[in-house]
Structures are given as structure tokens and as C-alpha cells.
Amino acid sequence: MGLSNLGIFHTLIGVAAIVAALISFIKYGKIDLSKLTGKIYFYTTLITSLTALGLSKHGGFNPGHVLSLLVVILILAAYFLYSRKKENGKARYFENFALSFSFLLSMLPTVNETFTRIPVGHPLAKDINDPLIGKTLLLLLVLFIAGSVYQFIIQKKINKAVTNL
């Protein structure tokens, strides 16, 4: 596979972030920063995104680095909303969206790198233009949209219940 030490560390931490996010989505319907899985997602995603800045297959600053910086901005914005705007129900909409969108963006290079490297010697996809990668990313986009709508509806109910107290 040809991974550097930084690449191996980046991959291991990234897998932890994905697992934490999936557990959080299943248990809570969102990445919840007040729960252990949300905290693990936040910190491992931050580390993964920052270590990605030191990785490059093609040399130099590239669109993957921009994606990493965008993910950092999204999770930091979500953390700001979580920690500083606790009583603002409207902030939860943006917090939920930012964390879910950060997960979607993180999955773009994850799918590409995984499908073009695994299994070793006979990867699932030849390159980024492989239809399998496109179909997988389309499925993730559909799940993101459906999940975002679900999160919006649930948050609206929570906000309404809080204002009716």
C-alpha cells in the first residue's frame, strides 16, 4: 500500500473518527458533542484533518488539503455553537448540519483512498473516476440529505418542547 508513518497514523485515527461518528449516528441520530462518541469524533477528526495536510500523493498543496481545512472549520464552528450557544435552539440546527457535513466531506477521500487501495493487489476501483466510487459517493450524499432532514425534524421537535415548558 505504500503508506508512510504519518499515513498509517492518519488512517488509524481516521478509522476511529468514522467508527465514533457511525456509533453516534446510530445511538443518537446525530454526532452529539455532549456524548463520548461525539467527543471522540471531534478530536479524532481534528487530528485526521490536520495530519492530512502533511500527506500528498501528487506533491504540494491540493484540493484534498482544502477539503481538510474545510472539515476543520466545520467541526470548530460546531464546537463553538455547542459550547457557547447551549441555550440557543436554532444553533443546534447549524451544529448538527456542520458535524454531519464534516462527516460527508471526510468520506470523499476515505472512499477514494480505500477503494483504490483495498484489497491490496486487486483494489475495488482503478482510480477516482471508477463508477463504483461515484455510486458510493452518491449513496453517501443521499444518506446525508435524508439524515439532515431527519435531524432537522427531530431538532424542531426538541426546540418546540423546550419553548412549551
C-alpha atoms as a PDB file:
ATOM      1  CA  MET A   1       0.000   0.000   0.000  1.00  0.00           C
ATOM      2  CA  GLY A   2       2.970   2.302   0.433  1.00  0.00           C
ATOM      3  CA  LEU A   3       1.836   4.311   3.465  1.00  0.00           C
ATOM      4  CA  SER A   4       4.270   6.495   5.378  1.00  0.00           C
ATOM      5  CA  ASN A   5       4.295   6.505   9.179  1.00  0.00           C
ATOM      6  CA  LEU A   6       2.207   9.680   9.067  1.00  0.00           C
ATOM      7  CA  GLY A   7      -0.161   7.973   6.603  1.00  0.00           C
ATOM      8  CA  ILE A   8      -0.571   4.970   8.902  1.00  0.00           C
ATOM      9  CA  PHE A   9      -1.235   7.221  11.924  1.00  0.00           C
ATOM     10  CA  HIS A  10      -3.653   9.343   9.867  1.00  0.00           C
ATOM     11  CA  THR A  11      -5.524   6.228   8.723  1.00  0.00           C
ATOM     12  CA  LEU A  12      -5.823   4.699  12.202  1.00  0.00           C
ATOM     13  CA  ILE A  13      -7.086   7.935  13.747  1.00  0.00           C
ATOM     14  CA  GLY A  14      -9.436   8.427  10.776  1.00  0.00           C
ATOM     15  CA  VAL A  15     -10.939   4.966  11.257  1.00  0.00           C
ATOM     16  CA  ALA A  16     -11.571   5.821  14.927  1.00  0.00           C
ATOM     17  CA  ALA A  17     -13.359   9.020  13.814  1.00  0.00           C
ATOM     18  CA  ILE A  18     -15.566   7.114  11.373  1.00  0.00           C
ATOM     19  CA  VAL A  19     -16.455   4.459  13.953  1.00  0.00           C
ATOM     20  CA  ALA A  20     -17.278   7.119  16.566  1.00  0.00           C
ATOM     21  CA  ALA A  21     -19.478   9.011  14.087  1.00  0.00           C
ATOM     22  CA  LEU A  22     -21.342   5.886  12.997  1.00  0.00           C
ATOM     23  CA  ILE A  23     -21.993   4.847  16.606  1.00  0.00           C
ATOM     24  CA  SER A  24     -23.195   8.367  17.382  1.00  0.00           C
ATOM     25  CA  PHE A  25     -25.491   8.461  14.332  1.00  0.00           C
ATOM     26  CA  ILE A  26     -26.975   5.081  15.297  1.00  0.00           C
ATOM     27  CA  LYS A  27     -27.386   5.813  19.029  1.00  0.00           C
ATOM     28  CA  TYR A  28     -28.385   9.486  18.924  1.00  0.00           C
ATOM     29  CA  GLY A  29     -29.353  10.267  15.313  1.00  0.00           C
ATOM     30  CA  LYS A  30     -26.533  12.812  15.153  1.00  0.00           C
ATOM     31  CA  ILE A  31     -22.977  13.448  16.207  1.00  0.00           C
ATOM     32  CA  ASP A  32     -23.605  14.676  19.734  1.00  0.00           C
ATOM     33  CA  LEU A  33     -20.666  16.574  21.214  1.00  0.00           C
ATOM     34  CA  SER A  34     -22.037  16.073  24.731  1.00  0.00           C
ATOM     35  CA  LYS A  35     -21.545  12.298  24.396  1.00  0.00           C
ATOM     36  CA  LEU A  36     -18.276  10.344  24.409  1.00  0.00           C
ATOM     37  CA  THR A  37     -18.716   9.300  20.771  1.00  0.00           C
ATOM     38  CA  GLY A  38     -19.150  12.940  19.742  1.00  0.00           C
ATOM     39  CA  LYS A  39     -16.039  13.968  21.650  1.00  0.00           C
ATOM     40  CA  ILE A  40     -14.057  11.134  20.088  1.00  0.00           C
ATOM     41  CA  TYR A  41     -15.344  12.168  16.645  1.00  0.00           C
ATOM     42  CA  PHE A  42     -14.389  15.799  17.236  1.00  0.00           C
ATOM     43  CA  TYR A  43     -10.823  15.156  18.401  1.00  0.00           C
ATOM     44  CA  THR A  44     -10.017  12.319  16.006  1.00  0.00           C
ATOM     45  CA  THR A  45     -11.448  14.259  13.058  1.00  0.00           C
ATOM     46  CA  LEU A  46      -9.411  17.299  14.047  1.00  0.00           C
ATOM     47  CA  ILE A  47      -6.230  15.191  14.223  1.00  0.00           C
ATOM     48  CA  THR A  48      -7.055  13.357  10.989  1.00  0.00           C
ATOM     49  CA  SER A  49      -7.728  16.588   9.109  1.00  0.00           C
ATOM     50  CA  LEU A  50      -4.563  18.237  10.379  1.00  0.00           C
ATOM     51  CA  THR A  51      -2.379  15.209   9.603  1.00  0.00           C
ATOM     52  CA  ALA A  52      -3.882  15.133   6.092  1.00  0.00           C
ATOM     53  CA  LEU A  53      -2.137  18.437   5.481  1.00  0.00           C
ATOM     54  CA  GLY A  54       1.164  16.573   5.679  1.00  0.00           C
ATOM     55  CA  LEU A  55       0.121  13.958   3.128  1.00  0.00           C
ATOM     56  CA  SER A  56       0.112  14.261  -0.645  1.00  0.00           C
ATOM     57  CA  LYS A  57       0.279  11.602  -3.364  1.00  0.00           C
ATOM     58  CA  HIS A  58       0.931  14.206  -6.027  1.00  0.00           C
ATOM     59  CA  GLY A  59       3.114  16.636  -4.082  1.00  0.00           C
ATOM     60  CA  GLY A  60       2.241  20.097  -2.884  1.00  0.00           C
ATOM     61  CA  PHE A  61      -0.980  21.727  -1.738  1.00  0.00           C
ATOM     62  CA  ASN A  62      -4.005  20.180  -3.466  1.00  0.00           C
ATOM     63  CA  PRO A  63      -7.821  20.029  -3.289  1.00  0.00           C
ATOM     64  CA  GLY A  64      -7.586  17.345  -0.582  1.00  0.00           C
ATOM     65  CA  HIS A  65      -5.832  19.839   1.655  1.00  0.00           C
ATOM     66  CA  VAL A  66      -8.584  22.391   1.050  1.00  0.00           C
ATOM     67  CA  LEU A  67     -11.128  19.708   1.975  1.00  0.00           C
ATOM     68  CA  SER A  68      -9.230  19.007   5.209  1.00  0.00           C
ATOM     69  CA  LEU A  69      -9.226  22.692   6.122  1.00  0.00           C
ATOM     70  CA  LEU A  70     -12.955  22.924   5.415  1.00  0.00           C
ATOM     71  CA  VAL A  71     -13.594  19.952   7.715  1.00  0.00           C
ATOM     72  CA  VAL A  72     -11.551  21.662  10.451  1.00  0.00           C
ATOM     73  CA  ILE A  73     -13.585  24.854  10.028  1.00  0.00           C
ATOM     74  CA  LEU A  74     -16.872  22.911  10.194  1.00  0.00           C
ATOM     75  CA  ILE A  75     -16.033  20.972  13.347  1.00  0.00           C
ATOM     76  CA  LEU A  76     -14.613  24.063  15.073  1.00  0.00           C
ATOM     77  CA  ALA A  77     -17.764  26.026  14.177  1.00  0.00           C
ATOM     78  CA  ALA A  78     -19.904  23.171  15.527  1.00  0.00           C
ATOM     79  CA  TYR A  79     -17.854  23.091  18.713  1.00  0.00           C
ATOM     80  CA  PHE A  80     -18.247  26.855  19.114  1.00  0.00           C
ATOM     81  CA  LEU A  81     -22.028  26.543  18.744  1.00  0.00           C
ATOM     82  CA  TYR A  82     -22.109  23.613  21.162  1.00  0.00           C
ATOM     83  CA  SER A  83     -20.005  25.296  23.846  1.00  0.00           C
ATOM     84  CA  ARG A  84     -21.040  28.955  23.535  1.00  0.00           C
ATOM     85  CA  LYS A  85     -24.650  28.774  22.339  1.00  0.00           C
ATOM     86  CA  LYS A  86     -26.024  25.982  24.555  1.00  0.00           C
ATOM     87  CA  GLU A  87     -29.353  27.712  25.184  1.00  0.00           C
ATOM     88  CA  ASN A  88     -29.933  28.666  21.549  1.00  0.00           C
ATOM     89  CA  GLY A  89     -32.127  26.008  19.921  1.00  0.00           C
ATOM     90  CA  LYS A  90     -31.527  27.443  16.460  1.00  0.00           C
ATOM     91  CA  ALA A  91     -27.789  26.959  16.886  1.00  0.00           C
ATOM     92  CA  ARG A  92     -28.395  23.191  17.179  1.00  0.00           C
ATOM     93  CA  TYR A  93     -29.590  23.104  13.554  1.00  0.00           C
ATOM     94  CA  PHE A  94     -26.273  24.552  12.390  1.00  0.00           C
ATOM     95  CA  GLU A  95     -24.248  22.432  14.812  1.00  0.00           C
ATOM     96  CA  ASN A  96     -25.918  19.227  13.598  1.00  0.00           C
ATOM     97  CA  PHE A  97     -25.503  20.221   9.963  1.00  0.00           C
ATOM     98  CA  ALA A  98     -21.842  21.208  10.343  1.00  0.00           C
ATOM     99  CA  LEU A  99     -20.923  17.932  12.045  1.00  0.00           C
ATOM    100  CA  SER A 100     -22.852  15.811   9.534  1.00  0.00           C
ATOM    101  CA  PHE A 101     -21.415  17.759   6.607  1.00  0.00           C
ATOM    102  CA  SER A 102     -17.908  17.363   8.033  1.00  0.00           C
ATOM    103  CA  PHE A 103     -18.501  13.607   8.106  1.00  0.00           C
ATOM    104  CA  LEU A 104     -19.710  13.604   4.492  1.00  0.00           C
ATOM    105  CA  LEU A 105     -16.689  15.617   3.361  1.00  0.00           C
ATOM    106  CA  SER A 106     -14.382  13.283   5.269  1.00  0.00           C
ATOM    107  CA  MET A 107     -15.878  10.339   3.421  1.00  0.00           C
ATOM    108  CA  LEU A 108     -14.876  11.718  -0.019  1.00  0.00           C
ATOM    109  CA  PRO A 109     -11.153  10.960   0.299  1.00  0.00           C
ATOM    110  CA  THR A 110     -11.888   7.959   2.534  1.00  0.00           C
ATOM    111  CA  VAL A 111     -13.917   6.217  -0.162  1.00  0.00           C
ATOM    112  CA  ASN A 112     -11.435   7.135  -2.876  1.00  0.00           C
ATOM    113  CA  GLU A 113      -8.356   6.027  -0.939  1.00  0.00           C
ATOM    114  CA  THR A 114      -9.979   2.843   0.386  1.00  0.00           C
ATOM    115  CA  PHE A 115     -11.463   1.701  -2.910  1.00  0.00           C
ATOM    116  CA  THR A 116      -8.258   2.367  -4.877  1.00  0.00           C
ATOM    117  CA  ARG A 117      -6.025   0.574  -2.326  1.00  0.00           C
ATOM    118  CA  ILE A 118      -8.019  -2.338  -0.888  1.00  0.00           C
ATOM    119  CA  PRO A 119      -7.776  -5.246  -1.273  1.00  0.00           C
ATOM    120  CA  VAL A 120      -4.030  -4.912  -1.767  1.00  0.00           C
ATOM    121  CA  GLY A 121      -3.048  -6.001  -5.255  1.00  0.00           C
ATOM    122  CA  HIS A 122      -6.634  -6.056  -6.579  1.00  0.00           C
ATOM    123  CA  PRO A 123      -8.313  -2.817  -5.453  1.00  0.00           C
ATOM    124  CA  LEU A 124     -12.063  -2.367  -5.855  1.00  0.00           C
ATOM    125  CA  ALA A 125     -11.577   0.682  -8.097  1.00  0.00           C
ATOM    126  CA  LYS A 126      -8.892   1.615 -10.629  1.00  0.00           C
ATOM    127  CA  ASP A 127      -8.958   5.355  -9.975  1.00  0.00           C
ATOM    128  CA  ILE A 128     -11.147   8.216  -8.784  1.00  0.00           C
ATOM    129  CA  ASN A 129     -13.250   8.014 -11.980  1.00  0.00           C
ATOM    130  CA  ASP A 130     -14.335   4.430 -11.330  1.00  0.00           C
ATOM    131  CA  PRO A 131     -18.156   4.096 -11.350  1.00  0.00           C
ATOM    132  CA  LEU A 132     -18.071   2.239  -8.018  1.00  0.00           C
ATOM    133  CA  ILE A 133     -16.605   5.302  -6.324  1.00  0.00           C
ATOM    134  CA  GLY A 134     -19.197   7.563  -7.963  1.00  0.00           C
ATOM    135  CA  LYS A 135     -22.096   5.312  -6.942  1.00  0.00           C
ATOM    136  CA  THR A 136     -20.804   5.016  -3.392  1.00  0.00           C
ATOM    137  CA  LEU A 137     -20.430   8.781  -3.053  1.00  0.00           C
ATOM    138  CA  LEU A 138     -23.921   9.268  -4.477  1.00  0.00           C
ATOM    139  CA  LEU A 139     -25.303   6.865  -1.870  1.00  0.00           C
ATOM    140  CA  LEU A 140     -23.483   8.782   0.867  1.00  0.00           C
ATOM    141  CA  LEU A 141     -24.936  12.064  -0.438  1.00  0.00           C
ATOM    142  CA  VAL A 142     -28.463  10.613  -0.370  1.00  0.00           C
ATOM    143  CA  LEU A 143     -27.906   9.329   3.188  1.00  0.00           C
ATOM    144  CA  PHE A 144     -26.545  12.736   4.196  1.00  0.00           C
ATOM    145  CA  ILE A 145     -29.615  14.527   2.805  1.00  0.00           C
ATOM    146  CA  ALA A 146     -32.018  12.066   4.432  1.00  0.00           C
ATOM    147  CA  GLY A 147     -30.110  12.254   7.714  1.00  0.00           C
ATOM    148  CA  SER A 148     -30.058  16.045   7.645  1.00  0.00           C
ATOM    149  CA  VAL A 149     -33.824  16.176   7.100  1.00  0.00           C
ATOM    150  CA  TYR A 150     -34.294  13.697   9.960  1.00  0.00           C
ATOM    151  CA  GLN A 151     -32.031  15.764  12.245  1.00  0.00           C
ATOM    152  CA  PHE A 152     -33.908  18.947  11.328  1.00  0.00           C
ATOM    153  CA  ILE A 153     -37.284  17.366  12.169  1.00  0.00           C
ATOM    154  CA  ILE A 154     -36.049  15.960  15.481  1.00  0.00           C
ATOM    155  CA  GLN A 155     -34.371  19.249  16.447  1.00  0.00           C
ATOM    156  CA  LYS A 156     -37.554  21.134  15.606  1.00  0.00           C
ATOM    157  CA  LYS A 157     -39.490  18.863  17.996  1.00  0.00           C
ATOM    158  CA  ILE A 158     -36.868  19.344  20.703  1.00  0.00           C
ATOM    159  CA  ASN A 159     -36.916  23.121  20.264  1.00  0.00           C
ATOM    160  CA  LYS A 160     -40.700  23.197  20.357  1.00  0.00           C
ATOM    161  CA  ALA A 161     -40.825  21.064  23.526  1.00  0.00           C
ATOM    162  CA  VAL A 162     -38.296  23.371  25.218  1.00  0.00           C
ATOM    163  CA  THR A 163     -40.270  26.521  24.363  1.00  0.00           C
ATOM    164  CA  ASN A 164     -43.510  24.908  25.613  1.00  0.00           C
ATOM    165  CA  LEU A 165     -42.101  24.258  29.096  1.00  0.00           C
END
